[in-house]
Each structure stands twice: as structure tokens, then as C-alpha cells.
């Protein structure tokens, strides 16, 4: 098992992976359709997107959390 101290990084890895997977599939389908070569093009696009998305999630995630905390009512 992975130690809890790595939770934010692991969360960022999983979130960025899933989001970039979904968004790249939609973008690839809209741009090129589901025809021949879709899967290879999609995976290539996804890997490129994930390489960028992962560090961005790690950098922007804390800022997004602070923004959300500012708009929530105190308990």
C-alpha cells in the first residue's frame, strides 16, 4: 500500500489521467470521428494531454481548493 502522505499526488495522478482520457476521447471523436485509426490517435493525444495535465493539476489543485473554501458557508 502507498503511504497516506502521497494522497494529494496520487489523487492528482488519477484525476488528471481520467479527465484527460475522457476529454481527449471526445476531442478526437469530434475532430476525426470514430473511423479507422481512432484508437491510436486517441491514445497518442491522451498521453500528450496527461503529461501536461498531471503537473497542472498538482499546481492548480491547491488554488482551486482555496477558492472553493472561500465560497462555502462556515460550519
N, C-alpha and C. Protein backbone atom coordinates (compact mmCIF):
# COMPACT_ATOMS: atom_id res chain seq x y z
N UNK A 1 0.84 -1.19 0.00
CA UNK A 1 0.00 0.00 0.00
C UNK A 1 0.88 1.25 0.00
N UNK A 2 0.30 2.31 -0.50
CA UNK A 2 1.00 3.58 -0.61
C UNK A 2 0.74 4.40 0.65
N UNK A 3 1.78 5.01 1.23
CA UNK A 3 1.57 5.83 2.44
C UNK A 3 0.63 7.01 2.18
N UNK A 4 -0.15 7.39 3.20
CA UNK A 4 -1.13 8.46 3.10
C UNK A 4 -0.52 9.80 2.72
N UNK A 5 0.73 10.02 3.02
CA UNK A 5 1.34 11.32 2.70
C UNK A 5 1.38 11.58 1.19
N UNK A 6 1.23 10.54 0.40
CA UNK A 6 1.24 10.69 -1.06
C UNK A 6 -0.18 10.86 -1.64
N UNK A 7 -1.17 10.98 -0.77
CA UNK A 7 -2.56 11.08 -1.23
C UNK A 7 -2.79 12.22 -2.22
N UNK A 8 -2.31 13.45 -1.96
CA UNK A 8 -2.55 14.52 -2.94
C UNK A 8 -1.93 14.25 -4.31
N UNK A 9 -0.75 13.67 -4.33
CA UNK A 9 -0.09 13.37 -5.61
C UNK A 9 -0.82 12.24 -6.33
N UNK A 10 -1.21 11.21 -5.60
CA UNK A 10 -1.92 10.09 -6.20
C UNK A 10 -3.29 10.54 -6.72
N UNK A 11 -3.97 11.38 -5.94
CA UNK A 11 -5.25 11.92 -6.38
C UNK A 11 -5.06 12.71 -7.68
N UNK A 12 -4.04 13.55 -7.74
CA UNK A 12 -3.76 14.33 -8.94
C UNK A 12 -3.44 13.45 -10.13
N UNK A 13 -2.72 12.38 -9.90
CA UNK A 13 -2.38 11.44 -10.97
C UNK A 13 -3.63 10.78 -11.54
N UNK A 14 -4.49 10.29 -10.65
CA UNK A 14 -5.71 9.61 -11.08
C UNK A 14 -6.68 10.61 -11.74
N UNK A 15 -6.89 11.75 -11.11
CA UNK A 15 -7.80 12.75 -11.65
C UNK A 15 -7.34 13.24 -13.03
N UNK A 16 -6.08 13.60 -13.14
CA UNK A 16 -5.58 14.09 -14.43
C UNK A 16 -5.62 13.00 -15.49
N UNK A 17 -5.36 11.77 -15.10
CA UNK A 17 -5.42 10.67 -16.05
C UNK A 17 -6.82 10.43 -16.58
N UNK A 18 -7.78 10.38 -15.68
CA UNK A 18 -9.16 10.13 -16.10
C UNK A 18 -9.74 11.30 -16.89
N UNK A 19 -9.52 12.51 -16.42
CA UNK A 19 -10.06 13.67 -17.12
C UNK A 19 -9.45 13.82 -18.51
N UNK A 20 -8.14 13.68 -18.61
CA UNK A 20 -7.50 13.82 -19.92
C UNK A 20 -7.91 12.67 -20.85
N UNK A 21 -8.14 11.48 -20.29
CA UNK A 21 -8.61 10.34 -21.09
C UNK A 21 -9.97 10.65 -21.72
N UNK A 22 -10.89 11.15 -20.90
CA UNK A 22 -12.24 11.45 -21.37
C UNK A 22 -12.25 12.61 -22.35
N UNK A 23 -11.57 13.70 -21.99
CA UNK A 23 -11.58 14.89 -22.84
C UNK A 23 -10.88 14.61 -24.17
N UNK A 24 -9.78 13.88 -24.14
CA UNK A 24 -9.09 13.59 -25.40
C UNK A 24 -9.92 12.67 -26.28
N UNK A 25 -10.69 11.75 -25.68
CA UNK A 25 -11.57 10.88 -26.49
C UNK A 25 -12.65 11.71 -27.17
N UNK A 26 -13.25 12.62 -26.43
CA UNK A 26 -14.29 13.47 -27.00
C UNK A 26 -13.71 14.36 -28.09
N UNK A 27 -12.59 14.98 -27.82
CA UNK A 27 -11.97 15.88 -28.80
C UNK A 27 -11.55 15.13 -30.06
N UNK A 28 -10.98 13.96 -29.88
CA UNK A 28 -10.55 13.16 -31.03
C UNK A 28 -11.76 12.71 -31.86
N UNK A 29 -12.82 12.30 -31.19
CA UNK A 29 -14.03 11.86 -31.90
C UNK A 29 -14.66 13.02 -32.67
N UNK A 30 -14.70 14.19 -32.06
CA UNK A 30 -15.29 15.35 -32.74
C UNK A 30 -14.44 15.74 -33.95
N UNK A 31 -13.12 15.75 -33.77
CA UNK A 31 -12.23 16.20 -34.83
C UNK A 31 -12.08 15.17 -35.95
N UNK A 32 -12.01 13.89 -35.61
CA UNK A 32 -11.69 12.87 -36.61
C UNK A 32 -12.74 11.79 -36.78
N UNK A 33 -13.69 11.71 -35.88
CA UNK A 33 -14.69 10.65 -35.95
C UNK A 33 -14.16 9.35 -35.38
N UNK A 34 -15.02 8.34 -35.37
CA UNK A 34 -14.65 7.04 -34.79
C UNK A 34 -14.14 6.06 -35.85
N UNK A 35 -13.66 6.57 -36.95
CA UNK A 35 -13.21 5.71 -38.04
C UNK A 35 -11.90 5.02 -37.77
N UNK A 36 -11.33 4.54 -38.84
CA UNK A 36 -10.07 3.82 -38.79
C UNK A 36 -8.97 4.69 -38.16
N UNK A 37 -8.22 4.12 -37.27
CA UNK A 37 -7.11 4.82 -36.64
C UNK A 37 -7.50 5.64 -35.42
N UNK A 38 -8.79 5.61 -35.05
CA UNK A 38 -9.24 6.41 -33.91
C UNK A 38 -8.49 6.06 -32.64
N UNK A 39 -8.40 4.77 -32.33
CA UNK A 39 -7.80 4.36 -31.06
C UNK A 39 -6.35 4.83 -30.94
N UNK A 40 -5.56 4.63 -31.97
CA UNK A 40 -4.15 5.05 -31.93
C UNK A 40 -4.00 6.55 -31.78
N UNK A 41 -4.82 7.30 -32.51
CA UNK A 41 -4.78 8.75 -32.42
C UNK A 41 -5.23 9.22 -31.04
N UNK A 42 -6.27 8.58 -30.51
CA UNK A 42 -6.78 8.92 -29.19
C UNK A 42 -5.73 8.68 -28.11
N UNK A 43 -5.10 7.52 -28.12
CA UNK A 43 -4.10 7.21 -27.11
C UNK A 43 -2.92 8.17 -27.19
N UNK A 44 -2.50 8.48 -28.39
CA UNK A 44 -1.41 9.45 -28.58
C UNK A 44 -1.80 10.81 -28.01
N UNK A 45 -3.01 11.24 -28.32
CA UNK A 45 -3.49 12.53 -27.79
C UNK A 45 -3.61 12.49 -26.28
N UNK A 46 -4.10 11.38 -25.75
CA UNK A 46 -4.28 11.26 -24.31
C UNK A 46 -2.94 11.32 -23.58
N UNK A 47 -1.96 10.59 -24.06
CA UNK A 47 -0.66 10.60 -23.38
C UNK A 47 -0.04 11.99 -23.38
N UNK A 48 -0.16 12.69 -24.49
CA UNK A 48 0.34 14.06 -24.56
C UNK A 48 -0.40 14.95 -23.57
N UNK A 49 -1.72 14.81 -23.53
CA UNK A 49 -2.53 15.62 -22.62
C UNK A 49 -2.21 15.29 -21.16
N UNK A 50 -2.01 14.02 -20.85
CA UNK A 50 -1.76 13.62 -19.47
C UNK A 50 -0.41 14.15 -18.98
N UNK A 51 0.58 14.14 -19.85
CA UNK A 51 1.90 14.67 -19.48
C UNK A 51 1.77 16.13 -19.06
N UNK A 52 0.88 16.86 -19.68
CA UNK A 52 0.66 18.27 -19.31
C UNK A 52 -0.32 18.40 -18.15
N UNK A 53 -1.36 17.59 -18.15
CA UNK A 53 -2.42 17.71 -17.14
C UNK A 53 -1.95 17.38 -15.73
N UNK A 54 -1.11 16.39 -15.57
CA UNK A 54 -0.70 15.97 -14.24
C UNK A 54 0.02 17.08 -13.47
N UNK A 55 1.06 17.69 -14.01
CA UNK A 55 1.69 18.78 -13.24
C UNK A 55 0.77 19.99 -13.07
N UNK A 56 -0.10 20.24 -14.05
CA UNK A 56 -1.03 21.36 -13.92
C UNK A 56 -2.00 21.12 -12.77
N UNK A 57 -2.52 19.90 -12.64
CA UNK A 57 -3.41 19.57 -11.53
C UNK A 57 -2.68 19.74 -10.20
N UNK A 58 -1.44 19.33 -10.13
CA UNK A 58 -0.69 19.47 -8.88
C UNK A 58 -0.47 20.94 -8.52
N UNK A 59 -0.27 21.78 -9.52
CA UNK A 59 -0.05 23.20 -9.26
C UNK A 59 -1.34 23.96 -9.00
N UNK A 60 -2.39 23.66 -9.73
CA UNK A 60 -3.63 24.41 -9.65
C UNK A 60 -4.57 23.85 -8.57
N UNK A 61 -4.42 22.59 -8.23
CA UNK A 61 -5.30 21.96 -7.24
C UNK A 61 -5.41 22.71 -5.93
N UNK A 62 -4.29 23.06 -5.29
CA UNK A 62 -4.39 23.80 -4.03
C UNK A 62 -5.10 25.15 -4.17
N UNK A 63 -4.87 25.84 -5.27
CA UNK A 63 -5.53 27.12 -5.51
C UNK A 63 -7.04 26.90 -5.67
N UNK A 64 -7.43 25.86 -6.37
CA UNK A 64 -8.85 25.56 -6.56
C UNK A 64 -9.50 25.21 -5.21
N UNK A 65 -8.80 24.46 -4.38
CA UNK A 65 -9.34 24.13 -3.05
C UNK A 65 -9.57 25.39 -2.23
N UNK A 66 -8.61 26.33 -2.25
CA UNK A 66 -8.77 27.59 -1.51
C UNK A 66 -9.94 28.40 -2.05
N UNK A 67 -10.10 28.43 -3.37
CA UNK A 67 -11.22 29.16 -3.97
C UNK A 67 -12.55 28.56 -3.53
N UNK A 68 -12.64 27.24 -3.49
CA UNK A 68 -13.87 26.58 -3.07
C UNK A 68 -14.13 26.88 -1.60
N UNK A 69 -13.11 26.84 -0.77
CA UNK A 69 -13.29 27.11 0.66
C UNK A 69 -13.82 28.52 0.89
N UNK A 70 -13.43 29.47 0.06
CA UNK A 70 -13.87 30.86 0.22
C UNK A 70 -15.36 31.03 -0.07
N UNK A 71 -15.92 30.20 -0.91
CA UNK A 71 -17.34 30.36 -1.26
C UNK A 71 -18.27 29.46 -0.44
N UNK A 72 -17.72 28.60 0.39
CA UNK A 72 -18.53 27.74 1.22
C UNK A 72 -18.91 28.43 2.53
N UNK A 73 -20.10 28.14 3.02
CA UNK A 73 -20.52 28.65 4.31
C UNK A 73 -19.71 27.95 5.40
N UNK A 74 -19.33 28.69 6.43
CA UNK A 74 -18.64 28.04 7.55
C UNK A 74 -19.59 27.09 8.29
N UNK A 75 -19.04 26.06 8.87
CA UNK A 75 -19.90 25.10 9.60
C UNK A 75 -20.21 25.59 10.98
